[in-house]
Amino acid sequence: MIDFDIEKAVSDEEKRLKRQFNGIDKKAKAVVLGLIENAAFMRVQLRILKEDLTENGVTEMFKQSENQKPYERKRPQAELYNSMNTNYQKIIKQLTDLLPKTEVKAPVKSDEDFESFVDSREDL
């Protein structure tokens, strides 16, 4: 059972994602806005589908006709969830690839630091 305002949830997610891309250049911004709208919608829909799958399960008993014995099959919601989740992950990857790259540099140890470490060891 959905216990939240879907339109507000999509809007809130759009705002959250847009904050992440405030500093992006103007040429990429047009692409980013479309991806953000789709990502926000998908994230909310995935939440709804996940709630349904949690409540009702991933499989169901199914039969085509009255004469057929029921069999277990994957629910259409599970297929939709898997497909949408894959597409959501692709959009998020596209978005993160558009973020400016930041280099992480490891601190450089000087020879003096190493020598003081060796000198401080009592077992040597």
PDB file of N, CA and C in Angstrom:
ATOM      1  N   MET A   1       0.849  -1.183   0.000  1.00  0.00           N
ATOM      2  CA  MET A   1       0.000   0.000   0.000  1.00  0.00           C
ATOM      3  C   MET A   1       0.892   1.243   0.000  1.00  0.00           C
ATOM      4  N   ILE A   2       0.664   2.141  -0.937  1.00  0.00           N
ATOM      5  CA  ILE A   2       1.449   3.360  -1.073  1.00  0.00           C
ATOM      6  C   ILE A   2       1.017   4.346   0.008  1.00  0.00           C
ATOM      7  N   ASP A   3       1.971   4.770   0.817  1.00  0.00           N
ATOM      8  CA  ASP A   3       1.649   5.679   1.904  1.00  0.00           C
ATOM      9  C   ASP A   3       2.402   7.006   1.774  1.00  0.00           C
ATOM     10  N   PHE A   4       2.612   7.456   0.510  1.00  0.00           N
ATOM     11  CA  PHE A   4       3.276   8.730   0.280  1.00  0.00           C
ATOM     12  C   PHE A   4       2.755   9.355  -1.009  1.00  0.00           C
ATOM     13  N   ASP A   5       2.957  10.641  -1.146  1.00  0.00           N
ATOM     14  CA  ASP A   5       2.529  11.394  -2.324  1.00  0.00           C
ATOM     15  C   ASP A   5       3.558  11.169  -3.434  1.00  0.00           C
ATOM     16  N   ILE A   6       3.159  10.478  -4.484  1.00  0.00           N
ATOM     17  CA  ILE A   6       4.076  10.097  -5.565  1.00  0.00           C
ATOM     18  C   ILE A   6       4.651  11.327  -6.261  1.00  0.00           C
ATOM     19  N   GLU A   7       3.807  12.289  -6.598  1.00  0.00           N
ATOM     20  CA  GLU A   7       4.286  13.489  -7.291  1.00  0.00           C
ATOM     21  C   GLU A   7       5.293  14.253  -6.443  1.00  0.00           C
ATOM     22  N   LYS A   8       5.039  14.357  -5.147  1.00  0.00           N
ATOM     23  CA  LYS A   8       5.969  15.051  -4.250  1.00  0.00           C
ATOM     24  C   LYS A   8       7.273  14.265  -4.141  1.00  0.00           C
ATOM     25  N   ALA A   9       7.178  12.955  -4.079  1.00  0.00           N
ATOM     26  CA  ALA A   9       8.379  12.131  -3.986  1.00  0.00           C
ATOM     27  C   ALA A   9       9.253  12.295  -5.228  1.00  0.00           C
ATOM     28  N   VAL A  10       8.627  12.337  -6.411  1.00  0.00           N
ATOM     29  CA  VAL A  10       9.379  12.545  -7.657  1.00  0.00           C
ATOM     30  C   VAL A  10      10.013  13.930  -7.651  1.00  0.00           C
ATOM     31  N   SER A  11       9.248  14.936  -7.260  1.00  0.00           N
ATOM     32  CA  SER A  11       9.758  16.302  -7.203  1.00  0.00           C
ATOM     33  C   SER A  11      10.929  16.428  -6.228  1.00  0.00           C
ATOM     34  N   ASP A  12      10.795  15.821  -5.062  1.00  0.00           N
ATOM     35  CA  ASP A  12      11.871  15.848  -4.058  1.00  0.00           C
ATOM     36  C   ASP A  12      13.129  15.169  -4.577  1.00  0.00           C
ATOM     37  N   GLU A  13      12.955  14.057  -5.282  1.00  0.00           N
ATOM     38  CA  GLU A  13      14.102  13.344  -5.840  1.00  0.00           C
ATOM     39  C   GLU A  13      14.769  14.172  -6.940  1.00  0.00           C
ATOM     40  N   GLU A  14      13.974  14.835  -7.769  1.00  0.00           N
ATOM     41  CA  GLU A  14      14.539  15.713  -8.799  1.00  0.00           C
ATOM     42  C   GLU A  14      15.380  16.811  -8.154  1.00  0.00           C
ATOM     43  N   LYS A  15      14.853  17.436  -7.121  1.00  0.00           N
ATOM     44  CA  LYS A  15      15.592  18.499  -6.424  1.00  0.00           C
ATOM     45  C   LYS A  15      16.889  17.967  -5.839  1.00  0.00           C
ATOM     46  N   ARG A  16      16.830  16.790  -5.253  1.00  0.00           N
ATOM     47  CA  ARG A  16      18.034  16.196  -4.650  1.00  0.00           C
ATOM     48  C   ARG A  16      19.101  15.968  -5.711  1.00  0.00           C
ATOM     49  N   LEU A  17      18.702  15.412  -6.841  1.00  0.00           N
ATOM     50  CA  LEU A  17      19.663  15.145  -7.906  1.00  0.00           C
ATOM     51  C   LEU A  17      20.187  16.433  -8.532  1.00  0.00           C
ATOM     52  N   LYS A  18      19.323  17.420  -8.721  1.00  0.00           N
ATOM     53  CA  LYS A  18      19.753  18.688  -9.322  1.00  0.00           C
ATOM     54  C   LYS A  18      20.812  19.383  -8.469  1.00  0.00           C
ATOM     55  N   ARG A  19      20.695  19.264  -7.148  1.00  0.00           N
ATOM     56  CA  ARG A  19      21.711  19.862  -6.268  1.00  0.00           C
ATOM     57  C   ARG A  19      23.095  19.270  -6.535  1.00  0.00           C
ATOM     58  N   GLN A  20      23.133  17.997  -6.892  1.00  0.00           N
ATOM     59  CA  GLN A  20      24.408  17.324  -7.164  1.00  0.00           C
ATOM     60  C   GLN A  20      25.065  17.860  -8.433  1.00  0.00           C
ATOM     61  N   PHE A  21      24.261  18.458  -9.328  1.00  0.00           N
ATOM     62  CA  PHE A  21      24.759  18.880 -10.630  1.00  0.00           C
ATOM     63  C   PHE A  21      24.695  20.398 -10.828  1.00  0.00           C
ATOM     64  N   ASN A  22      24.698  21.139  -9.723  1.00  0.00           N
ATOM     65  CA  ASN A  22      24.649  22.603  -9.804  1.00  0.00           C
ATOM     66  C   ASN A  22      25.816  23.189 -10.588  1.00  0.00           C
ATOM     67  N   GLY A  23      27.009  22.670 -10.411  1.00  0.00           N
ATOM     68  CA  GLY A  23      28.200  23.255 -11.000  1.00  0.00           C
ATOM     69  C   GLY A  23      28.555  22.751 -12.383  1.00  0.00           C
ATOM     70  N   ILE A  24      27.706  21.964 -12.993  1.00  0.00           N
ATOM     71  CA  ILE A  24      28.024  21.367 -14.294  1.00  0.00           C
ATOM     72  C   ILE A  24      27.904  22.437 -15.394  1.00  0.00           C
ATOM     73  N   ASP A  25      28.700  22.313 -16.457  1.00  0.00           N
ATOM     74  CA  ASP A  25      28.669  23.332 -17.521  1.00  0.00           C
ATOM     75  C   ASP A  25      27.326  23.336 -18.249  1.00  0.00           C
ATOM     76  N   LYS A  26      27.019  24.461 -18.877  1.00  0.00           N
ATOM     77  CA  LYS A  26      25.686  24.693 -19.463  1.00  0.00           C
ATOM     78  C   LYS A  26      25.358  23.726 -20.602  1.00  0.00           C
ATOM     79  N   LYS A  27      26.357  23.316 -21.363  1.00  0.00           N
ATOM     80  CA  LYS A  27      26.104  22.398 -22.484  1.00  0.00           C
ATOM     81  C   LYS A  27      25.601  21.047 -21.975  1.00  0.00           C
ATOM     82  N   ALA A  28      26.191  20.572 -20.908  1.00  0.00           N
ATOM     83  CA  ALA A  28      25.801  19.274 -20.358  1.00  0.00           C
ATOM     84  C   ALA A  28      24.514  19.366 -19.548  1.00  0.00           C
ATOM     85  N   LYS A  29      24.184  20.567 -19.091  1.00  0.00           N
ATOM     86  CA  LYS A  29      23.022  20.731 -18.211  1.00  0.00           C
ATOM     87  C   LYS A  29      21.716  20.306 -18.880  1.00  0.00           C
ATOM     88  N   ALA A  30      21.554  20.574 -20.175  1.00  0.00           N
ATOM     89  CA  ALA A  30      20.325  20.188 -20.877  1.00  0.00           C
ATOM     90  C   ALA A  30      20.162  18.673 -20.886  1.00  0.00           C
ATOM     91  N   VAL A  31      21.256  17.966 -21.093  1.00  0.00           N
ATOM     92  CA  VAL A  31      21.223  16.499 -21.070  1.00  0.00           C
ATOM     93  C   VAL A  31      20.936  16.021 -19.652  1.00  0.00           C
ATOM     94  N   VAL A  32      21.590  16.642 -18.710  1.00  0.00           N
ATOM     95  CA  VAL A  32      21.459  16.233 -17.311  1.00  0.00           C
ATOM     96  C   VAL A  32      20.022  16.371 -16.824  1.00  0.00           C
ATOM     97  N   LEU A  33      19.356  17.449 -17.195  1.00  0.00           N
ATOM     98  CA  LEU A  33      17.987  17.664 -16.705  1.00  0.00           C
ATOM     99  C   LEU A  33      17.035  16.565 -17.154  1.00  0.00           C
ATOM    100  N   GLY A  34      17.155  16.121 -18.395  1.00  0.00           N
ATOM    101  CA  GLY A  34      16.306  15.022 -18.872  1.00  0.00           C
ATOM    102  C   GLY A  34      16.607  13.724 -18.142  1.00  0.00           C
ATOM    103  N   LEU A  35      17.885  13.452 -17.938  1.00  0.00           N
ATOM    104  CA  LEU A  35      18.269  12.236 -17.206  1.00  0.00           C
ATOM    105  C   LEU A  35      17.778  12.289 -15.763  1.00  0.00           C
ATOM    106  N   ILE A  36      17.868  13.465 -15.160  1.00  0.00           N
ATOM    107  CA  ILE A  36      17.417  13.626 -13.774  1.00  0.00           C
ATOM    108  C   ILE A  36      15.913  13.376 -13.661  1.00  0.00           C
ATOM    109  N   GLU A  37      15.138  13.926 -14.598  1.00  0.00           N
ATOM    110  CA  GLU A  37      13.686  13.701 -14.565  1.00  0.00           C
ATOM    111  C   GLU A  37      13.368  12.210 -14.650  1.00  0.00           C
ATOM    112  N   ASN A  38      14.022  11.522 -15.568  1.00  0.00           N
ATOM    113  CA  ASN A  38      13.782  10.081 -15.710  1.00  0.00           C
ATOM    114  C   ASN A  38      14.249   9.311 -14.485  1.00  0.00           C
ATOM    115  N   ALA A  39      15.413   9.656 -13.971  1.00  0.00           N
ATOM    116  CA  ALA A  39      15.945   8.957 -12.792  1.00  0.00           C
ATOM    117  C   ALA A  39      15.038   9.147 -11.585  1.00  0.00           C
ATOM    118  N   ALA A  40      14.538  10.363 -11.399  1.00  0.00           N
ATOM    119  CA  ALA A  40      13.653  10.638 -10.257  1.00  0.00           C
ATOM    120  C   ALA A  40      12.367   9.824 -10.355  1.00  0.00           C
ATOM    121  N   PHE A  41      11.772   9.820 -11.543  1.00  0.00           N
ATOM    122  CA  PHE A  41      10.558   9.042 -11.756  1.00  0.00           C
ATOM    123  C   PHE A  41      10.818   7.555 -11.493  1.00  0.00           C
ATOM    124  N   MET A  42      11.906   7.030 -12.060  1.00  0.00           N
ATOM    125  CA  MET A  42      12.220   5.600 -11.905  1.00  0.00           C
ATOM    126  C   MET A  42      12.473   5.239 -10.448  1.00  0.00           C
ATOM    127  N   ARG A  43      13.180   6.096  -9.724  1.00  0.00           N
ATOM    128  CA  ARG A  43      13.477   5.777  -8.328  1.00  0.00           C
ATOM    129  C   ARG A  43      12.199   5.640  -7.509  1.00  0.00           C
ATOM    130  N   VAL A  44      11.250   6.537  -7.745  1.00  0.00           N
ATOM    131  CA  VAL A  44       9.975   6.472  -7.021  1.00  0.00           C
ATOM    132  C   VAL A  44       9.190   5.232  -7.448  1.00  0.00           C
ATOM    133  N   GLN A  45       9.149   4.949  -8.744  1.00  0.00           N
ATOM    134  CA  GLN A  45       8.441   3.760  -9.226  1.00  0.00           C
ATOM    135  C   GLN A  45       9.085   2.481  -8.687  1.00  0.00           C
ATOM    136  N   LEU A  46      10.410   2.460  -8.611  1.00  0.00           N
ATOM    137  CA  LEU A  46      11.092   1.293  -8.038  1.00  0.00           C
ATOM    138  C   LEU A  46      10.708   1.100  -6.577  1.00  0.00           C
ATOM    139  N   ARG A  47      10.567   2.212  -5.870  1.00  0.00           N
ATOM    140  CA  ARG A  47      10.145   2.135  -4.461  1.00  0.00           C
ATOM    141  C   ARG A  47       8.749   1.522  -4.347  1.00  0.00           C
ATOM    142  N   ILE A  48       7.843   1.934  -5.243  1.00  0.00           N
ATOM    143  CA  ILE A  48       6.470   1.411  -5.246  1.00  0.00           C
ATOM    144  C   ILE A  48       6.476  -0.083  -5.588  1.00  0.00           C
ATOM    145  N   LEU A  49       7.216  -0.442  -6.623  1.00  0.00           N
ATOM    146  CA  LEU A  49       7.297  -1.847  -7.031  1.00  0.00           C
ATOM    147  C   LEU A  49       7.925  -2.705  -5.931  1.00  0.00           C
ATOM    148  N   LYS A  50       8.952  -2.177  -5.295  1.00  0.00           N
ATOM    149  CA  LYS A  50       9.610  -2.925  -4.215  1.00  0.00           C
ATOM    150  C   LYS A  50       8.638  -3.178  -3.066  1.00  0.00           C
ATOM    151  N   GLU A  51       7.855  -2.171  -2.742  1.00  0.00           N
ATOM    152  CA  GLU A  51       6.852  -2.326  -1.680  1.00  0.00           C
ATOM    153  C   GLU A  51       5.838  -3.410  -2.055  1.00  0.00           C
ATOM    154  N   ASP A  52       5.400  -3.404  -3.322  1.00  0.00           N
ATOM    155  CA  ASP A  52       4.452  -4.414  -3.798  1.00  0.00           C
ATOM    156  C   ASP A  52       5.078  -5.807  -3.746  1.00  0.00           C
ATOM    157  N   LEU A  53       6.330  -5.929  -4.187  1.00  0.00           N
ATOM    158  CA  LEU A  53       6.999  -7.235  -4.190  1.00  0.00           C
ATOM    159  C   LEU A  53       7.234  -7.739  -2.774  1.00  0.00           C
ATOM    160  N   THR A  54       7.528  -6.817  -1.868  1.00  0.00           N
ATOM    161  CA  THR A  54       7.723  -7.206  -0.466  1.00  0.00           C
ATOM    162  C   THR A  54       6.416  -7.717   0.126  1.00  0.00           C
ATOM    163  N   GLU A  55       5.339  -7.046  -0.200  1.00  0.00           N
ATOM    164  CA  GLU A  55       4.026  -7.409   0.337  1.00  0.00           C
ATOM    165  C   GLU A  55       3.446  -8.655  -0.319  1.00  0.00           C
ATOM    166  N   ASN A  56       3.586  -8.775  -1.649  1.00  0.00           N
ATOM    167  CA  ASN A  56       2.904  -9.842  -2.391  1.00  0.00           C
ATOM    168  C   ASN A  56       3.819 -10.928  -2.947  1.00  0.00           C
ATOM    169  N   GLY A  57       5.108 -10.752  -2.812  1.00  0.00           N
ATOM    170  CA  GLY A  57       6.048 -11.758  -3.294  1.00  0.00           C
ATOM    171  C   GLY A  57       6.457 -11.550  -4.742  1.00  0.00           C
ATOM    172  N   VAL A  58       7.462 -12.276  -5.153  1.00  0.00           N
ATOM    173  CA  VAL A  58       8.018 -12.174  -6.496  1.00  0.00           C
ATOM    174  C   VAL A  58       7.315 -13.140  -7.447  1.00  0.00           C
ATOM    175  N   THR A  59       6.754 -14.213  -6.911  1.00  0.00           N
ATOM    176  CA  THR A  59       6.078 -15.208  -7.749  1.00  0.00           C
ATOM    177  C   THR A  59       4.595 -15.292  -7.378  1.00  0.00           C
ATOM    178  N   GLU A  60       3.836 -15.916  -8.281  1.00  0.00           N
ATOM    179  CA  GLU A  60       2.411 -16.127  -8.049  1.00  0.00           C
ATOM    180  C   GLU A  60       1.989 -17.427  -8.724  1.00  0.00           C
ATOM    181  N   MET A  61       0.888 -17.961  -8.296  1.00  0.00           N
ATOM    182  CA  MET A  61       0.314 -19.123  -8.953  1.00  0.00           C
ATOM    183  C   MET A  61      -0.516 -18.616 -10.131  1.00  0.00           C
ATOM    184  N   PHE A  62      -0.385 -19.292 -11.270  1.00  0.00           N
ATOM    185  CA  PHE A  62      -1.006 -18.814 -12.498  1.00  0.00           C
ATOM    186  C   PHE A  62      -1.527 -19.988 -13.310  1.00  0.00           C
ATOM    187  N   LYS A  63      -2.638 -19.764 -14.004  1.00  0.00           N
ATOM    188  CA  LYS A  63      -3.131 -20.754 -14.962  1.00  0.00           C
ATOM    189  C   LYS A  63      -3.807 -20.018 -16.110  1.00  0.00           C
ATOM    190  N   GLN A  64      -3.681 -20.591 -17.325  1.00  0.00           N
ATOM    191  CA  GLN A  64      -4.223 -19.987 -18.541  1.00  0.00           C
ATOM    192  C   GLN A  64      -5.715 -20.265 -18.697  1.00  0.00           C
ATOM    193  N   SER A  65      -6.128 -21.453 -18.302  1.00  0.00           N
ATOM    194  CA  SER A  65      -7.536 -21.821 -18.509  1.00  0.00           C
ATOM    195  C   SER A  65      -8.034 -22.632 -17.322  1.00  0.00           C
ATOM    196  N   GLU A  66      -9.328 -22.909 -17.333  1.00  0.00           N
ATOM    197  CA  GLU A  66      -9.946 -23.683 -16.256  1.00  0.00           C
ATOM    198  C   GLU A  66      -9.382 -25.113 -16.191  1.00  0.00           C
ATOM    199  N   ASN A  67      -9.028 -25.678 -17.330  1.00  0.00           N
ATOM    200  CA  ASN A  67      -8.564 -27.070 -17.395  1.00  0.00           C
ATOM    201  C   ASN A  67      -7.084 -27.225 -17.026  1.00  0.00           C
ATOM    202  N   GLN A  68      -6.363 -26.146 -16.994  1.00  0.00           N
ATOM    203  CA  GLN A  68      -4.924 -26.205 -16.743  1.00  0.00           C
ATOM    204  C   GLN A  68      -4.631 -26.196 -15.245  1.00  0.00           C
ATOM    205  N   LYS A  69      -3.640 -26.978 -14.869  1.00  0.00           N
ATOM    206  CA  LYS A  69      -3.196 -26.994 -13.479  1.00  0.00           C
ATOM    207  C   LYS A  69      -2.372 -25.717 -13.221  1.00  0.00           C
ATOM    208  N   PRO A  70      -2.630 -25.008 -12.101  1.00  0.00           N
ATOM    209  CA  PRO A  70      -1.867 -23.787 -11.807  1.00  0.00           C
ATOM    210  C   PRO A  70      -0.373 -24.097 -11.633  1.00  0.00           C
ATOM    211  N   TYR A  71       0.431 -23.155 -12.040  1.00  0.00           N
ATOM    212  CA  TYR A  71       1.881 -23.270 -11.864  1.00  0.00           C
ATOM    213  C   TYR A  71       2.420 -21.930 -11.343  1.00  0.00           C
ATOM    214  N   GLU A  72       3.603 -22.007 -10.752  1.00  0.00           N
ATOM    215  CA  GLU A  72       4.212 -20.806 -10.191  1.00  0.00           C
ATOM    216  C   GLU A  72       4.990 -20.068 -11.279  1.00  0.00           C
ATOM    217  N   ARG A  73       4.815 -18.744 -11.324  1.00  0.00           N
ATOM    218  CA  ARG A  73       5.550 -17.930 -12.295  1.00  0.00           C
ATOM    219  C   ARG A  73       5.964 -16.621 -11.631  1.00  0.00           C
ATOM    220  N   LYS A  74       6.927 -15.966 -12.267  1.00  0.00           N
ATOM    221  CA  LYS A  74       7.373 -14.663 -11.784  1.00  0.00           C
ATOM    222  C   LYS A  74       6.273 -13.644 -12.069  1.00  0.00           C
ATOM    223  N   ARG A  75       5.974 -12.836 -11.082  1.00  0.00           N
ATOM    224  CA  ARG A  75       4.949 -11.810 -11.258  1.00  0.00           C
ATOM    225  C   ARG A  75       5.424 -10.746 -12.243  1.00  0.00           C
ATOM    226  N   PRO A  76       4.516 -10.179 -13.017  1.00  0.00           N
ATOM    227  CA  PRO A  76       4.887  -9.115 -13.957  1.00  0.00           C
ATOM    228  C   PRO A  76       5.579  -7.934 -13.262  1.00  0.00           C
ATOM    229  N   GLN A  77       5.203  -7.666 -12.025  1.00  0.00           N
ATOM    230  CA  GLN A  77       5.833  -6.576 -11.275  1.00  0.00           C
ATOM    231  C   GLN A  77       7.321  -6.851 -11.041  1.00  0.00           C
ATOM    232  N   ALA A  78       7.678  -8.125 -10.869  1.00  0.00           N
ATOM    233  CA  ALA A  78       9.088  -8.480 -10.669  1.00  0.00           C
ATOM    234  C   ALA A  78       9.881  -8.233 -11.948  1.00  0.00           C
ATOM    235  N   GLU A  79       9.296  -8.591 -13.088  1.00  0.00           N
ATOM    236  CA  GLU A  79       9.942  -8.333 -14.381  1.00  0.00           C
ATOM    237  C   GLU A  79      10.125  -6.835 -14.588  1.00  0.00           C
ATOM    238  N   LEU A  80       9.080  -6.086 -14.313  1.00  0.00           N
ATOM    239  CA  LEU A  80       9.125  -4.637 -14.471  1.00  0.00           C
ATOM    240  C   LEU A  80      10.174  -4.027 -13.543  1.00  0.00           C
ATOM    241  N   TYR A  81      10.211  -4.495 -12.293  1.00  0.00           N
ATOM    242  CA  TYR A  81      11.201  -3.994 -11.335  1.00  0.00           C
ATOM    243  C   TYR A  81      12.619  -4.238 -11.855  1.00  0.00           C
ATOM    244  N   ASN A  82      12.883  -5.454 -12.316  1.00  0.00           N
ATOM    245  CA  ASN A  82      14.228  -5.780 -12.805  1.00  0.00           C
ATOM    246  C   ASN A  82      14.615  -4.912 -14.002  1.00  0.00           C
ATOM    247  N   SER A  83      13.703  -4.765 -14.929  1.00  0.00           N
ATOM    248  CA  SER A  83      13.960  -3.970 -16.127  1.00  0.00           C
ATOM    249  C   SER A  83      14.188  -2.498 -15.773  1.00  0.00           C
ATOM    250  N   MET A  84      13.319  -1.948 -14.955  1.00  0.00           N
ATOM    251  CA  MET A  84      13.435  -0.547 -14.579  1.00  0.00           C
ATOM    252  C   MET A  84      14.685  -0.306 -13.742  1.00  0.00           C
ATOM    253  N   ASN A  85      15.023  -1.230 -12.874  1.00  0.00           N
ATOM    254  CA  ASN A  85      16.220  -1.084 -12.057  1.00  0.00           C
ATOM    255  C   ASN A  85      17.472  -1.046 -12.933  1.00  0.00           C
ATOM    256  N   THR A  86      17.519  -1.893 -13.951  1.00  0.00           N
ATOM    257  CA  THR A  86      18.649  -1.895 -14.884  1.00  0.00           C
ATOM    258  C   THR A  86      18.759  -0.543 -15.587  1.00  0.00           C
ATOM    259  N   ASN A  87      17.638  -0.015 -16.054  1.00  0.00           N
ATOM    260  CA  ASN A  87      17.643   1.280 -16.732  1.00  0.00           C
ATOM    261  C   ASN A  87      18.003   2.416 -15.779  1.00  0.00           C
ATOM    262  N   TYR A  88      17.521   2.330 -14.546  1.00  0.00           N
ATOM    263  CA  TYR A  88      17.853   3.343 -13.537  1.00  0.00           C
ATOM    264  C   TYR A  88      19.361   3.358 -13.282  1.00  0.00           C
ATOM    265  N   GLN A  89      19.955   2.178 -13.148  1.00  0.00           N
ATOM    266  CA  GLN A  89      21.397   2.099 -12.913  1.00  0.00           C
ATOM    267  C   GLN A  89      22.177   2.703 -14.082  1.00  0.00           C
ATOM    268  N   LYS A  90      21.708   2.501 -15.306  1.00  0.00           N
ATOM    269  CA  LYS A  90      22.369   3.079 -16.483  1.00  0.00           C
ATOM    270  C   LYS A  90      22.294   4.602 -16.457  1.00  0.00           C
ATOM    271  N   ILE A  91      21.134   5.132 -16.097  1.00  0.00           N
ATOM    272  CA  ILE A  91      20.982   6.588 -16.036  1.00  0.00           C
ATOM    273  C   ILE A  91      21.882   7.171 -14.954  1.00  0.00           C
ATOM    274  N   ILE A  92      21.921   6.536 -13.803  1.00  0.00           N
ATOM    275  CA  ILE A  92      22.772   7.025 -12.719  1.00  0.00           C
ATOM    276  C   ILE A  92      24.228   6.988 -13.142  1.00  0.00           C
ATOM    277  N   LYS A  93      24.632   5.947 -13.854  1.00  0.00           N
ATOM    278  CA  LYS A  93      26.013   5.871 -14.362  1.00  0.00           C
ATOM    279  C   LYS A  93      26.285   7.020 -15.325  1.00  0.00           C
ATOM    280  N   GLN A  94      25.343   7.284 -16.246  1.00  0.00           N
ATOM    281  CA  GLN A  94      25.505   8.398 -17.175  1.00  0.00           C
ATOM    282  C   GLN A  94      25.650   9.718 -16.411  1.00  0.00           C
ATOM    283  N   LEU A  95      24.825   9.900 -15.402  1.00  0.00           N
ATOM    284  CA  LEU A  95      24.886  11.136 -14.618  1.00  0.00           C
ATOM    285  C   LEU A  95      26.214  11.270 -13.877  1.00  0.00           C
ATOM    286  N   THR A  96      26.642  10.226 -13.231  1.00  0.00           N
ATOM    287  CA  THR A  96      27.896  10.313 -12.472  1.00  0.00           C
ATOM    288  C   THR A  96      29.092  10.495 -13.400  1.00  0.00           C
ATOM    289  N   ASP A  97      29.008   9.969 -14.611  1.00  0.00           N
ATOM    290  CA  ASP A  97      30.093  10.178 -15.580  1.00  0.00           C
ATOM    291  C   ASP A  97      30.183  11.641 -16.011  1.00  0.00           C
ATOM    292  N   LEU A  98      29.093  12.388 -15.899  1.00  0.00           N
ATOM    293  CA  LEU A  98      29.094  13.804 -16.267  1.00  0.00           C
ATOM    294  C   LEU A  98      29.606  14.719 -15.159  1.00  0.00           C
ATOM    295  N   LEU A  99      29.719  14.174 -13.947  1.00  0.00           N
ATOM    296  CA  LEU A  99      30.252  14.979 -12.843  1.00  0.00           C
ATOM    297  C   LEU A  99      31.732  15.262 -13.081  1.00  0.00           C
ATOM    298  N   PRO A 100      32.204  16.441 -12.645  1.00  0.00           N
ATOM    299  CA  PRO A 100      33.636  16.737 -12.797  1.00  0.00           C
ATOM    300  C   PRO A 100      34.476  15.726 -12.018  1.00  0.00           C
ATOM    301  N   LYS A 101      35.567  15.329 -12.643  1.00  0.00           N
ATOM    302  CA  LYS A 101      36.462  14.360 -12.011  1.00  0.00           C
ATOM    303  C   LYS A 101      37.338  15.076 -10.985  1.00  0.00           C
ATOM    304  N   THR A 102      37.516  14.445  -9.836  1.00  0.00           N
ATOM    305  CA  THR A 102      38.419  14.983  -8.818  1.00  0.00           C
ATOM    306  C   THR A 102      39.503  13.956  -8.556  1.00  0.00           C
ATOM    307  N   GLU A 103      40.716  14.450  -8.491  1.00  0.00           N
ATOM    308  CA  GLU A 103      41.838  13.546  -8.236  1.00  0.00           C
ATOM    309  C   GLU A 103      42.056  13.409  -6.751  1.00  0.00           C
ATOM    310  N   VAL A 104      42.274  12.189  -6.336  1.00  0.00           N
ATOM    311  CA  VAL A 104      42.607  11.919  -4.949  1.00  0.00           C
ATOM    312  C   VAL A 104      44.079  11.546  -4.915  1.00  0.00           C
ATOM    313  N   LYS A 105      44.848  12.364  -4.208  1.00  0.00           N
ATOM    314  CA  LYS A 105      46.285  12.109  -4.136  1.00  0.00           C
ATOM    315  C   LYS A 105      46.622  11.534  -2.771  1.00  0.00           C
ATOM    316  N   ALA A 106      47.409  10.479  -2.794  1.00  0.00           N
ATOM    317  CA  ALA A 106      47.861   9.873  -1.549  1.00  0.00           C
ATOM    318  C   ALA A 106      48.983  10.733  -0.989  1.00  0.00           C
ATOM    319  N   PRO A 107      49.037  10.872   0.328  1.00  0.00           N
ATOM    320  CA  PRO A 107      50.120  11.664   0.910  1.00  0.00           C
ATOM    321  C   PRO A 107      51.471  11.011   0.606  1.00  0.00           C
ATOM    322  N   VAL A 108      52.434  11.848   0.297  1.00  0.00           N
ATOM    323  CA  VAL A 108      53.778  11.365  -0.026  1.00  0.00           C
ATOM    324  C   VAL A 108      54.603  11.383   1.245  1.00  0.00           C
ATOM    325  N   LYS A 109      55.201  10.255   1.558  1.00  0.00           N
ATOM    326  CA  LYS A 109      56.057  10.147   2.738  1.00  0.00           C
ATOM    327  C   LYS A 109      57.481  10.496   2.339  1.00  0.00           C
ATOM    328  N   SER A 110      58.112  11.287   3.130  1.00  0.00           N
ATOM    329  CA  SER A 110      59.498  11.635   2.830  1.00  0.00           C
ATOM    330  C   SER A 110      60.430  10.590   3.419  1.00  0.00           C
ATOM    331  N   ASP A 111      61.660  10.622   2.954  1.00  0.00           N
ATOM    332  CA  ASP A 111      62.671   9.705   3.495  1.00  0.00           C
ATOM    333  C   ASP A 111      62.887   9.942   4.976  1.00  0.00           C
ATOM    334  N   GLU A 112      62.742  11.184   5.425  1.00  0.00           N
ATOM    335  CA  GLU A 112      62.926  11.506   6.847  1.00  0.00           C
ATOM    336  C   GLU A 112      61.888  10.775   7.693  1.00  0.00           C
ATOM    337  N   ASP A 113      60.648  10.712   7.214  1.00  0.00           N
ATOM    338  CA  ASP A 113      59.595  10.001   7.948  1.00  0.00           C
ATOM    339  C   ASP A 113      59.953   8.524   8.081  1.00  0.00           C
ATOM    340  N   PHE A 114      60.453   7.940   7.017  1.00  0.00           N
ATOM    341  CA  PHE A 114      60.829   6.524   7.058  1.00  0.00           C
ATOM    342  C   PHE A 114      61.991   6.312   8.024  1.00  0.00           C
ATOM    343  N   GLU A 115      62.996   7.179   7.959  1.00  0.00           N
ATOM    344  CA  GLU A 115      64.162   7.044   8.846  1.00  0.00           C
ATOM    345  C   GLU A 115      63.761   7.205  10.306  1.00  0.00           C
ATOM    346  N   SER A 116      62.872   8.145  10.591  1.00  0.00           N
ATOM    347  CA  SER A 116      62.444   8.318  11.985  1.00  0.00           C
ATOM    348  C   SER A 116      61.642   7.111  12.455  1.00  0.00           C
ATOM    349  N   PHE A 117      60.877   6.499  11.545  1.00  0.00           N
ATOM    350  CA  PHE A 117      60.143   5.289  11.886  1.00  0.00           C
ATOM    351  C   PHE A 117      61.117   4.158  12.226  1.00  0.00           C
ATOM    352  N   VAL A 118      62.126   3.974  11.402  1.00  0.00           N
ATOM    353  CA  VAL A 118      63.113   2.913  11.625  1.00  0.00           C
ATOM    354  C   VAL A 118      63.853   3.179  12.921  1.00  0.00           C
ATOM    355  N   ASP A 119      64.245   4.427  13.156  1.00  0.00           N
ATOM    356  CA  ASP A 119      64.972   4.772  14.382  1.00  0.00           C
ATOM    357  C   ASP A 119      64.129   4.567  15.631  1.00  0.00           C
ATOM    358  N   SER A 120      62.817   4.700  15.506  1.00  0.00           N
ATOM    359  CA  SER A 120      61.941   4.558  16.685  1.00  0.00           C
ATOM    360  C   SER A 120      61.686   3.105  17.064  1.00  0.00           C
ATOM    361  N   ARG A 121      61.980   2.199  16.178  1.00  0.00           N
ATOM    362  CA  ARG A 121      61.766   0.777  16.436  1.00  0.00           C
ATOM    363  C   ARG A 121      62.829   0.249  17.397  1.00  0.00           C
ATOM    364  N   GLU A 122      62.410  -0.365  18.448  1.00  0.00           N
ATOM    365  CA  GLU A 122      63.355  -0.902  19.425  1.00  0.00           C
ATOM    366  C   GLU A 122      63.802  -2.310  19.074  1.00  0.00           C
ATOM    367  N   ASP A 123      63.065  -2.991  18.236  1.00  0.00           N
ATOM    368  CA  ASP A 123      63.399  -4.376  17.903  1.00  0.00           C
ATOM    369  C   ASP A 123      64.485  -4.470  16.826  1.00  0.00           C
ATOM    370  N   LEU A 124      64.945  -3.361  16.295  1.00  0.00           N
ATOM    371  CA  LEU A 124      65.982  -3.369  15.254  1.00  0.00           C
ATOM    372  C   LEU A 124      67.341  -3.114  15.812  1.00  0.00           C
TER     373      LEU A 124
END
